[in-house]
Amino acid sequence: MKKKWIVSNPKVMMGKPVIAGTRITVELILEKLAAGETVEQILQAHPRLTRKAIQAALEFAAEALRADVVYPIHETV
């Protein structure tokens, strides 16, 4: 059976997708990576995470963006 890495429960972090068994949100992982943190730094800061969990968060985010919804990006000049 394939492990379910990402779960969502309205009673945990207001229903945001989290790594199963933690309160670490997919959003937090993405923000840290976007800010330039390395996977190693994230793992060091959050010992309950694994590389597979971080990879699952990235896969979840990619799948979420495949939806048919268009998100216009407004550039500031």
PDB file of N, CA and C in Angstrom:
ATOM      1  N   MET A   1       0.842  -1.189   0.000  1.00  0.00           N
ATOM      2  CA  MET A   1       0.000   0.000   0.000  1.00  0.00           C
ATOM      3  C   MET A   1       0.883   1.246   0.000  1.00  0.00           C
ATOM      4  N   LYS A   2       0.525   2.204  -0.851  1.00  0.00           N
ATOM      5  CA  LYS A   2       1.287   3.449  -0.945  1.00  0.00           C
ATOM      6  C   LYS A   2       0.926   4.358   0.226  1.00  0.00           C
ATOM      7  N   LYS A   3       1.946   4.904   0.866  1.00  0.00           N
ATOM      8  CA  LYS A   3       1.710   5.798   1.996  1.00  0.00           C
ATOM      9  C   LYS A   3       1.089   7.101   1.508  1.00  0.00           C
ATOM     10  N   LYS A   4       0.081   7.564   2.239  1.00  0.00           N
ATOM     11  CA  LYS A   4      -0.536   8.850   1.937  1.00  0.00           C
ATOM     12  C   LYS A   4       0.233   9.913   2.712  1.00  0.00           C
ATOM     13  N   TRP A   5       1.021  10.697   2.005  1.00  0.00           N
ATOM     14  CA  TRP A   5       1.887  11.696   2.636  1.00  0.00           C
ATOM     15  C   TRP A   5       1.147  12.962   3.004  1.00  0.00           C
ATOM     16  N   ILE A   6       0.205  13.391   2.168  1.00  0.00           N
ATOM     17  CA  ILE A   6      -0.466  14.665   2.370  1.00  0.00           C
ATOM     18  C   ILE A   6      -1.907  14.408   2.801  1.00  0.00           C
ATOM     19  N   VAL A   7      -2.293  15.036   3.910  1.00  0.00           N
ATOM     20  CA  VAL A   7      -3.654  14.891   4.423  1.00  0.00           C
ATOM     21  C   VAL A   7      -4.218  16.272   4.741  1.00  0.00           C
ATOM     22  N   SER A   8      -5.539  16.325   4.831  1.00  0.00           N
ATOM     23  CA  SER A   8      -6.204  17.574   5.178  1.00  0.00           C
ATOM     24  C   SER A   8      -7.340  17.248   6.136  1.00  0.00           C
ATOM     25  N   ASN A   9      -7.359  17.963   7.257  1.00  0.00           N
ATOM     26  CA  ASN A   9      -8.376  17.757   8.287  1.00  0.00           C
ATOM     27  C   ASN A   9      -8.756  19.133   8.815  1.00  0.00           C
ATOM     28  N   PRO A  10     -10.041  19.464   8.813  1.00  0.00           N
ATOM     29  CA  PRO A  10     -10.455  20.789   9.275  1.00  0.00           C
ATOM     30  C   PRO A  10     -10.001  21.109  10.704  1.00  0.00           C
ATOM     31  N   LYS A  11      -9.694  20.084  11.487  1.00  0.00           N
ATOM     32  CA  LYS A  11      -9.270  20.298  12.870  1.00  0.00           C
ATOM     33  C   LYS A  11      -7.757  20.489  13.008  1.00  0.00           C
ATOM     34  N   VAL A  12      -7.039  20.336  11.908  1.00  0.00           N
ATOM     35  CA  VAL A  12      -5.579  20.482  11.940  1.00  0.00           C
ATOM     36  C   VAL A  12      -5.189  21.594  10.973  1.00  0.00           C
ATOM     37  N   MET A  13      -4.586  22.631  11.483  1.00  0.00           N
ATOM     38  CA  MET A  13      -4.098  23.760  10.688  1.00  0.00           C
ATOM     39  C   MET A  13      -5.191  24.311   9.761  1.00  0.00           C
ATOM     40  N   MET A  14      -6.399  24.407  10.289  1.00  0.00           N
ATOM     41  CA  MET A  14      -7.554  24.962   9.569  1.00  0.00           C
ATOM     42  C   MET A  14      -7.818  24.245   8.240  1.00  0.00           C
ATOM     43  N   GLY A  15      -7.474  22.970   8.169  1.00  0.00           N
ATOM     44  CA  GLY A  15      -7.755  22.186   6.974  1.00  0.00           C
ATOM     45  C   GLY A  15      -6.730  22.302   5.873  1.00  0.00           C
ATOM     46  N   LYS A  16      -5.659  23.057   6.103  1.00  0.00           N
ATOM     47  CA  LYS A  16      -4.616  23.167   5.080  1.00  0.00           C
ATOM     48  C   LYS A  16      -3.956  21.801   4.895  1.00  0.00           C
ATOM     49  N   PRO A  17      -3.502  21.494   3.694  1.00  0.00           N
ATOM     50  CA  PRO A  17      -2.794  20.234   3.468  1.00  0.00           C
ATOM     51  C   PRO A  17      -1.498  20.204   4.284  1.00  0.00           C
ATOM     52  N   VAL A  18      -1.318  19.115   5.024  1.00  0.00           N
ATOM     53  CA  VAL A  18      -0.133  18.943   5.864  1.00  0.00           C
ATOM     54  C   VAL A  18       0.511  17.598   5.572  1.00  0.00           C
ATOM     55  N   ILE A  19       1.752  17.453   6.008  1.00  0.00           N
ATOM     56  CA  ILE A  19       2.421  16.161   5.958  1.00  0.00           C
ATOM     57  C   ILE A  19       1.761  15.288   7.015  1.00  0.00           C
ATOM     58  N   ALA A  20       1.355  14.094   6.639  1.00  0.00           N
ATOM     59  CA  ALA A  20       0.652  13.183   7.548  1.00  0.00           C
ATOM     60  C   ALA A  20       1.428  13.009   8.852  1.00  0.00           C
ATOM     61  N   GLY A  21       0.694  13.093   9.964  1.00  0.00           N
ATOM     62  CA  GLY A  21       1.299  12.904  11.278  1.00  0.00           C
ATOM     63  C   GLY A  21       2.008  14.126  11.823  1.00  0.00           C
ATOM     64  N   THR A  22       1.931  15.254  11.104  1.00  0.00           N
ATOM     65  CA  THR A  22       2.586  16.477  11.554  1.00  0.00           C
ATOM     66  C   THR A  22       1.618  17.644  11.413  1.00  0.00           C
ATOM     67  N   ARG A  23       2.063  18.798  11.828  1.00  0.00           N
ATOM     68  CA  ARG A  23       1.338  20.048  11.586  1.00  0.00           C
ATOM     69  C   ARG A  23       2.133  20.916  10.606  1.00  0.00           C
ATOM     70  N   ILE A  24       2.974  20.280   9.830  1.00  0.00           N
ATOM     71  CA  ILE A  24       3.808  20.981   8.853  1.00  0.00           C
ATOM     72  C   ILE A  24       3.045  21.049   7.537  1.00  0.00           C
ATOM     73  N   THR A  25       2.712  22.274   7.125  1.00  0.00           N
ATOM     74  CA  THR A  25       1.897  22.450   5.923  1.00  0.00           C
ATOM     75  C   THR A  25       2.730  22.388   4.653  1.00  0.00           C
ATOM     76  N   VAL A  26       2.049  22.000   3.586  1.00  0.00           N
ATOM     77  CA  VAL A  26       2.671  22.045   2.265  1.00  0.00           C
ATOM     78  C   VAL A  26       3.088  23.479   1.975  1.00  0.00           C
ATOM     79  N   GLU A  27       2.243  24.409   2.353  1.00  0.00           N
ATOM     80  CA  GLU A  27       2.523  25.832   2.160  1.00  0.00           C
ATOM     81  C   GLU A  27       3.857  26.228   2.803  1.00  0.00           C
ATOM     82  N   LEU A  28       4.098  25.793   4.026  1.00  0.00           N
ATOM     83  CA  LEU A  28       5.342  26.131   4.726  1.00  0.00           C
ATOM     84  C   LEU A  28       6.554  25.593   3.972  1.00  0.00           C
ATOM     85  N   ILE A  29       6.453  24.360   3.512  1.00  0.00           N
ATOM     86  CA  ILE A  29       7.560  23.760   2.770  1.00  0.00           C
ATOM     87  C   ILE A  29       7.846  24.558   1.503  1.00  0.00           C
ATOM     88  N   LEU A  30       6.791  24.903   0.775  1.00  0.00           N
ATOM     89  CA  LEU A  30       6.968  25.686  -0.452  1.00  0.00           C
ATOM     90  C   LEU A  30       7.571  27.058  -0.162  1.00  0.00           C
ATOM     91  N   GLU A  31       7.092  27.705   0.897  1.00  0.00           N
ATOM     92  CA  GLU A  31       7.626  29.025   1.256  1.00  0.00           C
ATOM     93  C   GLU A  31       9.108  28.947   1.590  1.00  0.00           C
ATOM     94  N   LYS A  32       9.493  27.922   2.328  1.00  0.00           N
ATOM     95  CA  LYS A  32      10.899  27.775   2.700  1.00  0.00           C
ATOM     96  C   LYS A  32      11.776  27.541   1.463  1.00  0.00           C
ATOM     97  N   LEU A  33      11.315  26.692   0.566  1.00  0.00           N
ATOM     98  CA  LEU A  33      12.075  26.441  -0.662  1.00  0.00           C
ATOM     99  C   LEU A  33      12.152  27.698  -1.514  1.00  0.00           C
ATOM    100  N   ALA A  34      11.044  28.422  -1.617  1.00  0.00           N
ATOM    101  CA  ALA A  34      11.020  29.662  -2.408  1.00  0.00           C
ATOM    102  C   ALA A  34      11.934  30.720  -1.813  1.00  0.00           C
ATOM    103  N   ALA A  35      12.105  30.692  -0.486  1.00  0.00           N
ATOM    104  CA  ALA A  35      12.972  31.663   0.179  1.00  0.00           C
ATOM    105  C   ALA A  35      14.453  31.291   0.046  1.00  0.00           C
ATOM    106  N   GLY A  36      14.717  30.138  -0.569  1.00  0.00           N
ATOM    107  CA  GLY A  36      16.105  29.758  -0.805  1.00  0.00           C
ATOM    108  C   GLY A  36      16.662  28.727   0.159  1.00  0.00           C
ATOM    109  N   GLU A  37      15.840  28.255   1.077  1.00  0.00           N
ATOM    110  CA  GLU A  37      16.330  27.213   1.977  1.00  0.00           C
ATOM    111  C   GLU A  37      16.538  25.926   1.192  1.00  0.00           C
ATOM    112  N   THR A  38      17.534  25.171   1.584  1.00  0.00           N
ATOM    113  CA  THR A  38      17.790  23.883   0.937  1.00  0.00           C
ATOM    114  C   THR A  38      16.954  22.809   1.622  1.00  0.00           C
ATOM    115  N   VAL A  39      16.822  21.687   0.943  1.00  0.00           N
ATOM    116  CA  VAL A  39      16.105  20.552   1.539  1.00  0.00           C
ATOM    117  C   VAL A  39      16.793  20.151   2.839  1.00  0.00           C
ATOM    118  N   GLU A  40      18.110  20.169   2.836  1.00  0.00           N
ATOM    119  CA  GLU A  40      18.862  19.802   4.039  1.00  0.00           C
ATOM    120  C   GLU A  40      18.541  20.735   5.203  1.00  0.00           C
ATOM    121  N   GLN A  41      18.439  22.033   4.930  1.00  0.00           N
ATOM    122  CA  GLN A  41      18.110  22.999   5.982  1.00  0.00           C
ATOM    123  C   GLN A  41      16.698  22.759   6.527  1.00  0.00           C
ATOM    124  N   ILE A  42      15.773  22.451   5.633  1.00  0.00           N
ATOM    125  CA  ILE A  42      14.398  22.188   6.063  1.00  0.00           C
ATOM    126  C   ILE A  42      14.349  20.922   6.912  1.00  0.00           C
ATOM    127  N   LEU A  43      15.053  19.892   6.483  1.00  0.00           N
ATOM    128  CA  LEU A  43      15.079  18.644   7.250  1.00  0.00           C
ATOM    129  C   LEU A  43      15.704  18.861   8.628  1.00  0.00           C
ATOM    130  N   GLN A  44      16.719  19.683   8.686  1.00  0.00           N
ATOM    131  CA  GLN A  44      17.376  19.967   9.953  1.00  0.00           C
ATOM    132  C   GLN A  44      16.444  20.738  10.890  1.00  0.00           C
ATOM    133  N   ALA A  45      15.684  21.670  10.344  1.00  0.00           N
ATOM    134  CA  ALA A  45      14.774  22.480  11.151  1.00  0.00           C
ATOM    135  C   ALA A  45      13.524  21.703  11.580  1.00  0.00           C
ATOM    136  N   HIS A  46      13.172  20.687  10.810  1.00  0.00           N
ATOM    137  CA  HIS A  46      11.956  19.905  11.083  1.00  0.00           C
ATOM    138  C   HIS A  46      12.300  18.422  11.047  1.00  0.00           C
ATOM    139  N   PRO A  47      12.819  17.888  12.141  1.00  0.00           N
ATOM    140  CA  PRO A  47      13.311  16.506  12.173  1.00  0.00           C
ATOM    141  C   PRO A  47      12.264  15.439  11.825  1.00  0.00           C
ATOM    142  N   ARG A  48      10.977  15.761  11.933  1.00  0.00           N
ATOM    143  CA  ARG A  48       9.944  14.776  11.600  1.00  0.00           C
ATOM    144  C   ARG A  48       9.726  14.651  10.094  1.00  0.00           C
ATOM    145  N   LEU A  49      10.281  15.574   9.325  1.00  0.00           N
ATOM    146  CA  LEU A  49      10.155  15.506   7.868  1.00  0.00           C
ATOM    147  C   LEU A  49      11.172  14.540   7.284  1.00  0.00           C
ATOM    148  N   THR A  50      10.852  14.048   6.107  1.00  0.00           N
ATOM    149  CA  THR A  50      11.785  13.226   5.338  1.00  0.00           C
ATOM    150  C   THR A  50      11.875  13.808   3.932  1.00  0.00           C
ATOM    151  N   ARG A  51      12.856  13.363   3.189  1.00  0.00           N
ATOM    152  CA  ARG A  51      12.973  13.800   1.795  1.00  0.00           C
ATOM    153  C   ARG A  51      11.727  13.396   1.006  1.00  0.00           C
ATOM    154  N   LYS A  52      11.218  12.202   1.284  1.00  0.00           N
ATOM    155  CA  LYS A  52      10.017  11.745   0.582  1.00  0.00           C
ATOM    156  C   LYS A  52       8.824  12.640   0.891  1.00  0.00           C
ATOM    157  N   ALA A  53       8.730  13.120   2.113  1.00  0.00           N
ATOM    158  CA  ALA A  53       7.629  14.007   2.494  1.00  0.00           C
ATOM    159  C   ALA A  53       7.734  15.334   1.746  1.00  0.00           C
ATOM    160  N   ILE A  54       8.936  15.871   1.632  1.00  0.00           N
ATOM    161  CA  ILE A  54       9.134  17.129   0.896  1.00  0.00           C
ATOM    162  C   ILE A  54       8.803  16.914  -0.574  1.00  0.00           C
ATOM    163  N   GLN A  55       9.237  15.791  -1.136  1.00  0.00           N
ATOM    164  CA  GLN A  55       8.920  15.475  -2.528  1.00  0.00           C
ATOM    165  C   GLN A  55       7.408  15.356  -2.713  1.00  0.00           C
ATOM    166  N   ALA A  56       6.729  14.745  -1.756  1.00  0.00           N
ATOM    167  CA  ALA A  56       5.273  14.606  -1.828  1.00  0.00           C
ATOM    168  C   ALA A  56       4.591  15.972  -1.789  1.00  0.00           C
ATOM    169  N   ALA A  57       5.124  16.889  -1.002  1.00  0.00           N
ATOM    170  CA  ALA A  57       4.563  18.244  -0.941  1.00  0.00           C
ATOM    171  C   ALA A  57       4.700  18.936  -2.292  1.00  0.00           C
ATOM    172  N   LEU A  58       5.842  18.766  -2.944  1.00  0.00           N
ATOM    173  CA  LEU A  58       6.045  19.360  -4.265  1.00  0.00           C
ATOM    174  C   LEU A  58       5.110  18.742  -5.296  1.00  0.00           C
ATOM    175  N   GLU A  59       4.944  17.431  -5.242  1.00  0.00           N
ATOM    176  CA  GLU A  59       4.040  16.755  -6.169  1.00  0.00           C
ATOM    177  C   GLU A  59       2.599  17.211  -5.932  1.00  0.00           C
ATOM    178  N   PHE A  60       2.208  17.362  -4.666  1.00  0.00           N
ATOM    179  CA  PHE A  60       0.862  17.829  -4.333  1.00  0.00           C
ATOM    180  C   PHE A  60       0.626  19.220  -4.914  1.00  0.00           C
ATOM    181  N   ALA A  61       1.594  20.111  -4.750  1.00  0.00           N
ATOM    182  CA  ALA A  61       1.459  21.473  -5.255  1.00  0.00           C
ATOM    183  C   ALA A  61       1.348  21.478  -6.785  1.00  0.00           C
ATOM    184  N   ALA A  62       2.137  20.656  -7.442  1.00  0.00           N
ATOM    185  CA  ALA A  62       2.082  20.584  -8.906  1.00  0.00           C
ATOM    186  C   ALA A  62       0.712  20.084  -9.362  1.00  0.00           C
ATOM    187  N   GLU A  63       0.189  19.073  -8.699  1.00  0.00           N
ATOM    188  CA  GLU A  63      -1.133  18.552  -9.043  1.00  0.00           C
ATOM    189  C   GLU A  63      -2.212  19.609  -8.809  1.00  0.00           C
ATOM    190  N   ALA A  64      -2.094  20.350  -7.726  1.00  0.00           N
ATOM    191  CA  ALA A  64      -3.085  21.387  -7.416  1.00  0.00           C
ATOM    192  C   ALA A  64      -3.102  22.462  -8.504  1.00  0.00           C
ATOM    193  N   LEU A  65      -1.947  22.758  -9.074  1.00  0.00           N
ATOM    194  CA  LEU A  65      -1.857  23.788 -10.101  1.00  0.00           C
ATOM    195  C   LEU A  65      -2.320  23.305 -11.475  1.00  0.00           C
ATOM    196  N   ARG A  66      -2.516  21.995 -11.611  1.00  0.00           N
ATOM    197  CA  ARG A  66      -3.009  21.455 -12.876  1.00  0.00           C
ATOM    198  C   ARG A  66      -4.508  21.656 -13.045  1.00  0.00           C
ATOM    199  N   ALA A  67      -5.180  22.141 -12.036  1.00  0.00           N
ATOM    200  CA  ALA A  67      -6.623  22.364 -12.111  1.00  0.00           C
ATOM    201  C   ALA A  67      -6.941  23.309 -13.264  1.00  0.00           C
ATOM    202  N   ASP A  68      -8.174  23.295 -13.700  1.00  0.00           N
ATOM    203  CA  ASP A  68      -8.583  24.132 -14.830  1.00  0.00           C
ATOM    204  C   ASP A  68      -8.784  25.594 -14.462  1.00  0.00           C
ATOM    205  N   VAL A  69      -8.396  25.979 -13.285  1.00  0.00           N
ATOM    206  CA  VAL A  69      -8.570  27.353 -12.843  1.00  0.00           C
ATOM    207  C   VAL A  69      -7.371  28.188 -13.292  1.00  0.00           C
ATOM    208  N   VAL A  70      -7.632  29.374 -13.808  1.00  0.00           N
ATOM    209  CA  VAL A  70      -6.559  30.270 -14.229  1.00  0.00           C
ATOM    210  C   VAL A  70      -6.344  31.309 -13.139  1.00  0.00           C
ATOM    211  N   TYR A  71      -5.102  31.470 -12.717  1.00  0.00           N
ATOM    212  CA  TYR A  71      -4.745  32.446 -11.695  1.00  0.00           C
ATOM    213  C   TYR A  71      -3.932  33.549 -12.348  1.00  0.00           C
ATOM    214  N   PRO A  72      -4.578  34.666 -12.721  1.00  0.00           N
ATOM    215  CA  PRO A  72      -3.819  35.753 -13.356  1.00  0.00           C
ATOM    216  C   PRO A  72      -2.784  36.337 -12.398  1.00  0.00           C
ATOM    217  N   ILE A  73      -1.632  36.600 -12.931  1.00  0.00           N
ATOM    218  CA  ILE A  73      -0.551  37.183 -12.134  1.00  0.00           C
ATOM    219  C   ILE A  73      -0.425  38.645 -12.529  1.00  0.00           C
ATOM    220  N   HIS A  74      -0.586  39.526 -11.564  1.00  0.00           N
ATOM    221  CA  HIS A  74      -0.460  40.953 -11.822  1.00  0.00           C
ATOM    222  C   HIS A  74       0.949  41.391 -11.463  1.00  0.00           C
ATOM    223  N   GLU A  75       1.642  41.890 -12.451  1.00  0.00           N
ATOM    224  CA  GLU A  75       3.002  42.354 -12.203  1.00  0.00           C
ATOM    225  C   GLU A  75       2.956  43.803 -11.747  1.00  0.00           C
ATOM    226  N   THR A  76       3.790  44.112 -10.758  1.00  0.00           N
ATOM    227  CA  THR A  76       3.915  45.498 -10.319  1.00  0.00           C
ATOM    228  C   THR A  76       5.121  46.106 -11.028  1.00  0.00           C
ATOM    229  N   VAL A  77       4.927  47.289 -11.498  1.00  0.00           N
ATOM    230  CA  VAL A  77       5.997  47.957 -12.258  1.00  0.00           C
ATOM    231  C   VAL A  77       6.647  49.009 -11.411  1.00  0.00           C
TER     232      VAL A  77
END
